[in-house]
Amino acid sequence: MTNKLTKSIDKKVSGVCGGLAEYFGIDPTLVRVGYFALTFLTSWFPGLIIYLLLALTMPKNHSKELIEGK
């Protein structure tokens, strides 16, 4: 099975950080904290734009939703 970059169903806002964590095989909390730190250190604007672009372009992971019945 190939590992595709998709939004996670383990989400806090839109599933972007959870999806990145699943893709790279790391803890979602680490991705969320790291993303927040990066966004904070770059004066918010670039991080928010990148997050919005990812939220709009990343596809949903429908295979897990079918398994869990959502």
PDB file of N, CA and C in Angstrom:
ATOM      1  N   MET A   1       0.846  -1.172   0.000  1.00  0.00           N
ATOM      2  CA  MET A   1       0.000   0.000   0.000  1.00  0.00           C
ATOM      3  C   MET A   1       0.894   1.238   0.000  1.00  0.00           C
ATOM      4  N   THR A   2       0.532   2.211  -0.803  1.00  0.00           N
ATOM      5  CA  THR A   2       1.301   3.447  -0.850  1.00  0.00           C
ATOM      6  C   THR A   2       0.760   4.431   0.179  1.00  0.00           C
ATOM      7  N   ASN A   3       1.641   5.244   0.684  1.00  0.00           N
ATOM      8  CA  ASN A   3       1.279   6.227   1.694  1.00  0.00           C
ATOM      9  C   ASN A   3       0.987   7.552   0.991  1.00  0.00           C
ATOM     10  N   LYS A   4      -0.273   7.974   1.000  1.00  0.00           N
ATOM     11  CA  LYS A   4      -0.664   9.221   0.346  1.00  0.00           C
ATOM     12  C   LYS A   4      -0.895  10.306   1.389  1.00  0.00           C
ATOM     13  N   LEU A   5      -0.609  11.531   1.004  1.00  0.00           N
ATOM     14  CA  LEU A   5      -0.838  12.674   1.887  1.00  0.00           C
ATOM     15  C   LEU A   5      -2.303  13.067   1.817  1.00  0.00           C
ATOM     16  N   THR A   6      -3.023  12.792   2.898  1.00  0.00           N
ATOM     17  CA  THR A   6      -4.441  13.125   2.991  1.00  0.00           C
ATOM     18  C   THR A   6      -4.720  13.722   4.361  1.00  0.00           C
ATOM     19  N   LYS A   7      -5.870  14.380   4.485  1.00  0.00           N
ATOM     20  CA  LYS A   7      -6.281  14.899   5.788  1.00  0.00           C
ATOM     21  C   LYS A   7      -6.587  13.732   6.707  1.00  0.00           C
ATOM     22  N   SER A   8      -6.330  13.934   7.974  1.00  0.00           N
ATOM     23  CA  SER A   8      -6.571  12.898   8.965  1.00  0.00           C
ATOM     24  C   SER A   8      -7.980  13.023   9.529  1.00  0.00           C
ATOM     25  N   ILE A   9      -8.508  11.882   9.979  1.00  0.00           N
ATOM     26  CA  ILE A   9      -9.775  11.972  10.707  1.00  0.00           C
ATOM     27  C   ILE A   9      -9.507  12.288  12.172  1.00  0.00           C
ATOM     28  N   ASP A  10      -8.224  12.175  12.599  1.00  0.00           N
ATOM     29  CA  ASP A  10      -7.789  12.621  13.929  1.00  0.00           C
ATOM     30  C   ASP A  10      -7.454  14.101  13.803  1.00  0.00           C
ATOM     31  N   LYS A  11      -8.481  14.937  13.898  1.00  0.00           N
ATOM     32  CA  LYS A  11      -8.261  16.352  13.609  1.00  0.00           C
ATOM     33  C   LYS A  11      -8.681  17.241  14.764  1.00  0.00           C
ATOM     34  N   LYS A  12      -8.032  18.395  14.814  1.00  0.00           N
ATOM     35  CA  LYS A  12      -8.392  19.437  15.770  1.00  0.00           C
ATOM     36  C   LYS A  12      -9.082  20.592  15.042  1.00  0.00           C
ATOM     37  N   VAL A  13      -8.569  20.961  13.871  1.00  0.00           N
ATOM     38  CA  VAL A  13      -9.187  22.025  13.086  1.00  0.00           C
ATOM     39  C   VAL A  13      -9.695  21.442  11.768  1.00  0.00           C
ATOM     40  N   SER A  14      -8.786  21.104  10.860  1.00  0.00           N
ATOM     41  CA  SER A  14      -9.239  20.536   9.595  1.00  0.00           C
ATOM     42  C   SER A  14      -8.527  19.243   9.217  1.00  0.00           C
ATOM     43  N   GLY A  15      -7.613  18.758  10.038  1.00  0.00           N
ATOM     44  CA  GLY A  15      -6.941  17.496   9.773  1.00  0.00           C
ATOM     45  C   GLY A  15      -5.620  17.602   9.045  1.00  0.00           C
ATOM     46  N   VAL A  16      -5.132  18.821   8.818  1.00  0.00           N
ATOM     47  CA  VAL A  16      -3.889  19.016   8.069  1.00  0.00           C
ATOM     48  C   VAL A  16      -2.690  18.492   8.859  1.00  0.00           C
ATOM     49  N   CYS A  17      -2.523  18.920  10.085  1.00  0.00           N
ATOM     50  CA  CYS A  17      -1.367  18.481  10.883  1.00  0.00           C
ATOM     51  C   CYS A  17      -1.436  16.982  11.172  1.00  0.00           C
ATOM     52  N   GLY A  18      -2.622  16.471  11.437  1.00  0.00           N
ATOM     53  CA  GLY A  18      -2.779  15.031  11.637  1.00  0.00           C
ATOM     54  C   GLY A  18      -2.428  14.245  10.386  1.00  0.00           C
ATOM     55  N   GLY A  19      -2.812  14.764   9.231  1.00  0.00           N
ATOM     56  CA  GLY A  19      -2.471  14.113   7.970  1.00  0.00           C
ATOM     57  C   GLY A  19      -0.983  14.127   7.695  1.00  0.00           C
ATOM     58  N   LEU A  20      -0.332  15.245   7.999  1.00  0.00           N
ATOM     59  CA  LEU A  20       1.122  15.319   7.832  1.00  0.00           C
ATOM     60  C   LEU A  20       1.814  14.336   8.771  1.00  0.00           C
ATOM     61  N   ALA A  21       1.310  14.209   9.998  1.00  0.00           N
ATOM     62  CA  ALA A  21       1.895  13.276  10.956  1.00  0.00           C
ATOM     63  C   ALA A  21       1.737  11.834  10.488  1.00  0.00           C
ATOM     64  N   GLU A  22       0.565  11.479   9.967  1.00  0.00           N
ATOM     65  CA  GLU A  22       0.350  10.130   9.451  1.00  0.00           C
ATOM     66  C   GLU A  22       1.270   9.855   8.262  1.00  0.00           C
ATOM     67  N   TYR A  23       1.436  10.824   7.395  1.00  0.00           N
ATOM     68  CA  TYR A  23       2.270  10.657   6.207  1.00  0.00           C
ATOM     69  C   TYR A  23       3.732  10.402   6.578  1.00  0.00           C
ATOM     70  N   PHE A  24       4.232  11.158   7.566  1.00  0.00           N
ATOM     71  CA  PHE A  24       5.633  11.018   7.963  1.00  0.00           C
ATOM     72  C   PHE A  24       5.831  10.002   9.094  1.00  0.00           C
ATOM     73  N   GLY A  25       4.739   9.466   9.649  1.00  0.00           N
ATOM     74  CA  GLY A  25       4.828   8.444  10.679  1.00  0.00           C
ATOM     75  C   GLY A  25       5.317   8.959  12.022  1.00  0.00           C
ATOM     76  N   ILE A  26       4.872  10.159  12.406  1.00  0.00           N
ATOM     77  CA  ILE A  26       5.265  10.722  13.694  1.00  0.00           C
ATOM     78  C   ILE A  26       4.019  11.108  14.490  1.00  0.00           C
ATOM     79  N   ASP A  27       4.224  11.484  15.719  1.00  0.00           N
ATOM     80  CA  ASP A  27       3.130  11.833  16.621  1.00  0.00           C
ATOM     81  C   ASP A  27       2.451  13.135  16.168  1.00  0.00           C
ATOM     82  N   PRO A  28       1.126  13.140  16.037  1.00  0.00           N
ATOM     83  CA  PRO A  28       0.418  14.354  15.615  1.00  0.00           C
ATOM     84  C   PRO A  28       0.639  15.548  16.541  1.00  0.00           C
ATOM     85  N   THR A  29       0.812  15.295  17.833  1.00  0.00           N
ATOM     86  CA  THR A  29       1.040  16.390  18.772  1.00  0.00           C
ATOM     87  C   THR A  29       2.342  17.112  18.458  1.00  0.00           C
ATOM     88  N   LEU A  30       3.379  16.361  18.087  1.00  0.00           N
ATOM     89  CA  LEU A  30       4.655  16.976  17.728  1.00  0.00           C
ATOM     90  C   LEU A  30       4.508  17.859  16.490  1.00  0.00           C
ATOM     91  N   VAL A  31       3.736  17.401  15.522  1.00  0.00           N
ATOM     92  CA  VAL A  31       3.523  18.195  14.308  1.00  0.00           C
ATOM     93  C   VAL A  31       2.753  19.460  14.648  1.00  0.00           C
ATOM     94  N   ARG A  32       1.724  19.345  15.469  1.00  0.00           N
ATOM     95  CA  ARG A  32       0.921  20.518  15.835  1.00  0.00           C
ATOM     96  C   ARG A  32       1.746  21.547  16.608  1.00  0.00           C
ATOM     97  N   VAL A  33       2.538  21.084  17.564  1.00  0.00           N
ATOM     98  CA  VAL A  33       3.380  22.000  18.351  1.00  0.00           C
ATOM     99  C   VAL A  33       4.439  22.635  17.455  1.00  0.00           C
ATOM    100  N   GLY A  34       5.060  21.830  16.608  1.00  0.00           N
ATOM    101  CA  GLY A  34       6.078  22.359  15.697  1.00  0.00           C
ATOM    102  C   GLY A  34       5.497  23.355  14.710  1.00  0.00           C
ATOM    103  N   TYR A  35       4.317  23.055  14.193  1.00  0.00           N
ATOM    104  CA  TYR A  35       3.679  23.972  13.255  1.00  0.00           C
ATOM    105  C   TYR A  35       3.307  25.282  13.941  1.00  0.00           C
ATOM    106  N   PHE A  36       2.789  25.184  15.165  1.00  0.00           N
ATOM    107  CA  PHE A  36       2.447  26.395  15.898  1.00  0.00           C
ATOM    108  C   PHE A  36       3.698  27.235  16.160  1.00  0.00           C
ATOM    109  N   ALA A  37       4.783  26.589  16.582  1.00  0.00           N
ATOM    110  CA  ALA A  37       6.031  27.316  16.856  1.00  0.00           C
ATOM    111  C   ALA A  37       6.546  27.988  15.590  1.00  0.00           C
ATOM    112  N   LEU A  38       6.536  27.275  14.475  1.00  0.00           N
ATOM    113  CA  LEU A  38       6.986  27.848  13.206  1.00  0.00           C
ATOM    114  C   LEU A  38       6.110  29.025  12.786  1.00  0.00           C
ATOM    115  N   THR A  39       4.808  28.877  12.945  1.00  0.00           N
ATOM    116  CA  THR A  39       3.885  29.953  12.597  1.00  0.00           C
ATOM    117  C   THR A  39       4.098  31.163  13.500  1.00  0.00           C
ATOM    118  N   PHE A  40       4.275  30.931  14.782  1.00  0.00           N
ATOM    119  CA  PHE A  40       4.500  32.015  15.732  1.00  0.00           C
ATOM    120  C   PHE A  40       5.806  32.755  15.432  1.00  0.00           C
ATOM    121  N   LEU A  41       6.860  31.999  15.104  1.00  0.00           N
ATOM    122  CA  LEU A  41       8.164  32.610  14.842  1.00  0.00           C
ATOM    123  C   LEU A  41       8.232  33.349  13.505  1.00  0.00           C
ATOM    124  N   THR A  42       7.302  33.071  12.593  1.00  0.00           N
ATOM    125  CA  THR A  42       7.301  33.751  11.288  1.00  0.00           C
ATOM    126  C   THR A  42       6.206  34.815  11.206  1.00  0.00           C
ATOM    127  N   SER A  43       5.808  35.325  12.337  1.00  0.00           N
ATOM    128  CA  SER A  43       4.819  36.417  12.409  1.00  0.00           C
ATOM    129  C   SER A  43       3.437  36.028  11.906  1.00  0.00           C
ATOM    130  N   TRP A  44       3.031  34.787  12.101  1.00  0.00           N
ATOM    131  CA  TRP A  44       1.695  34.267  11.837  1.00  0.00           C
ATOM    132  C   TRP A  44       1.297  34.197  10.377  1.00  0.00           C
ATOM    133  N   PHE A  45       1.530  35.232   9.604  1.00  0.00           N
ATOM    134  CA  PHE A  45       0.969  35.315   8.253  1.00  0.00           C
ATOM    135  C   PHE A  45       1.388  34.158   7.339  1.00  0.00           C
ATOM    136  N   PRO A  46       2.678  33.854   7.177  1.00  0.00           N
ATOM    137  CA  PRO A  46       3.036  32.752   6.264  1.00  0.00           C
ATOM    138  C   PRO A  46       2.464  31.407   6.707  1.00  0.00           C
ATOM    139  N   GLY A  47       2.477  31.149   8.004  1.00  0.00           N
ATOM    140  CA  GLY A  47       1.948  29.889   8.504  1.00  0.00           C
ATOM    141  C   GLY A  47       0.460  29.739   8.269  1.00  0.00           C
ATOM    142  N   LEU A  48      -0.277  30.812   8.450  1.00  0.00           N
ATOM    143  CA  LEU A  48      -1.726  30.759   8.216  1.00  0.00           C
ATOM    144  C   LEU A  48      -2.054  30.548   6.746  1.00  0.00           C
ATOM    145  N   ILE A  49      -1.315  31.202   5.865  1.00  0.00           N
ATOM    146  CA  ILE A  49      -1.541  31.037   4.422  1.00  0.00           C
ATOM    147  C   ILE A  49      -1.249  29.598   4.006  1.00  0.00           C
ATOM    148  N   ILE A  50      -0.124  29.043   4.492  1.00  0.00           N
ATOM    149  CA  ILE A  50       0.228  27.664   4.151  1.00  0.00           C
ATOM    150  C   ILE A  50      -0.826  26.699   4.678  1.00  0.00           C
ATOM    151  N   TYR A  51      -1.292  26.914   5.904  1.00  0.00           N
ATOM    152  CA  TYR A  51      -2.310  26.042   6.485  1.00  0.00           C
ATOM    153  C   TYR A  51      -3.604  26.107   5.670  1.00  0.00           C
ATOM    154  N   LEU A  52      -4.025  27.299   5.309  1.00  0.00           N
ATOM    155  CA  LEU A  52      -5.253  27.439   4.518  1.00  0.00           C
ATOM    156  C   LEU A  52      -5.122  26.771   3.156  1.00  0.00           C
ATOM    157  N   LEU A  53      -3.972  26.925   2.518  1.00  0.00           N
ATOM    158  CA  LEU A  53      -3.755  26.266   1.224  1.00  0.00           C
ATOM    159  C   LEU A  53      -3.793  24.747   1.371  1.00  0.00           C
ATOM    160  N   LEU A  54      -3.151  24.225   2.403  1.00  0.00           N
ATOM    161  CA  LEU A  54      -3.186  22.782   2.622  1.00  0.00           C
ATOM    162  C   LEU A  54      -4.596  22.302   2.960  1.00  0.00           C
ATOM    163  N   ALA A  55      -5.317  23.062   3.768  1.00  0.00           N
ATOM    164  CA  ALA A  55      -6.679  22.678   4.132  1.00  0.00           C
ATOM    165  C   ALA A  55      -7.595  22.631   2.913  1.00  0.00           C
ATOM    166  N   LEU A  56      -7.351  23.507   1.957  1.00  0.00           N
ATOM    167  CA  LEU A  56      -8.188  23.535   0.756  1.00  0.00           C
ATOM    168  C   LEU A  56      -7.773  22.516  -0.292  1.00  0.00           C
ATOM    169  N   THR A  57      -6.502  22.128  -0.324  1.00  0.00           N
ATOM    170  CA  THR A  57      -6.022  21.262  -1.398  1.00  0.00           C
ATOM    171  C   THR A  57      -5.831  19.798  -1.004  1.00  0.00           C
ATOM    172  N   MET A  58      -5.614  19.507   0.274  1.00  0.00           N
ATOM    173  CA  MET A  58      -5.418  18.112   0.684  1.00  0.00           C
ATOM    174  C   MET A  58      -6.745  17.361   0.619  1.00  0.00           C
ATOM    175  N   PRO A  59      -6.740  16.189  -0.005  1.00  0.00           N
ATOM    176  CA  PRO A  59      -7.986  15.404  -0.051  1.00  0.00           C
ATOM    177  C   PRO A  59      -8.269  14.734   1.286  1.00  0.00           C
ATOM    178  N   LYS A  60      -9.540  14.410   1.524  1.00  0.00           N
ATOM    179  CA  LYS A  60      -9.915  13.683   2.730  1.00  0.00           C
ATOM    180  C   LYS A  60      -9.521  12.222   2.574  1.00  0.00           C
ATOM    181  N   ASN A  61      -9.282  11.574   3.695  1.00  0.00           N
ATOM    182  CA  ASN A  61      -8.959  10.154   3.692  1.00  0.00           C
ATOM    183  C   ASN A  61     -10.259   9.381   3.882  1.00  0.00           C
ATOM    184  N   HIS A  62     -10.889   8.990   2.793  1.00  0.00           N
ATOM    185  CA  HIS A  62     -12.190   8.328   2.859  1.00  0.00           C
ATOM    186  C   HIS A  62     -12.102   6.874   3.294  1.00  0.00           C
ATOM    187  N   SER A  63     -10.972   6.223   3.096  1.00  0.00           N
ATOM    188  CA  SER A  63     -10.869   4.806   3.445  1.00  0.00           C
ATOM    189  C   SER A  63     -11.027   4.587   4.944  1.00  0.00           C
ATOM    190  N   LYS A  64     -10.457   5.442   5.777  1.00  0.00           N
ATOM    191  CA  LYS A  64     -10.602   5.286   7.224  1.00  0.00           C
ATOM    192  C   LYS A  64     -12.010   5.631   7.679  1.00  0.00           C
ATOM    193  N   GLU A  65     -12.662   6.572   7.025  1.00  0.00           N
ATOM    194  CA  GLU A  65     -14.021   6.938   7.398  1.00  0.00           C
ATOM    195  C   GLU A  65     -14.969   5.775   7.129  1.00  0.00           C
ATOM    196  N   LEU A  66     -14.748   5.029   6.043  1.00  0.00           N
ATOM    197  CA  LEU A  66     -15.601   3.882   5.734  1.00  0.00           C
ATOM    198  C   LEU A  66     -15.419   2.768   6.756  1.00  0.00           C
ATOM    199  N   ILE A  67     -14.183   2.575   7.196  1.00  0.00           N
ATOM    200  CA  ILE A  67     -13.902   1.535   8.173  1.00  0.00           C
ATOM    201  C   ILE A  67     -14.547   1.874   9.518  1.00  0.00           C
ATOM    202  N   GLU A  68     -14.467   3.115   9.945  1.00  0.00           N
ATOM    203  CA  GLU A  68     -15.002   3.517  11.238  1.00  0.00           C
ATOM    204  C   GLU A  68     -16.486   3.871  11.202  1.00  0.00           C
ATOM    205  N   GLY A  69     -17.079   3.888  10.015  1.00  0.00           N
ATOM    206  CA  GLY A  69     -18.499   4.135   9.888  1.00  0.00           C
ATOM    207  C   GLY A  69     -18.914   5.586  10.011  1.00  0.00           C
ATOM    208  N   LYS A  70     -18.030   6.503   9.680  1.00  0.00           N
ATOM    209  CA  LYS A  70     -18.357   7.941   9.763  1.00  0.00           C
ATOM    210  C   LYS A  70     -18.836   8.453   8.438  1.00  0.00           C
TER     211      LYS A  70
END
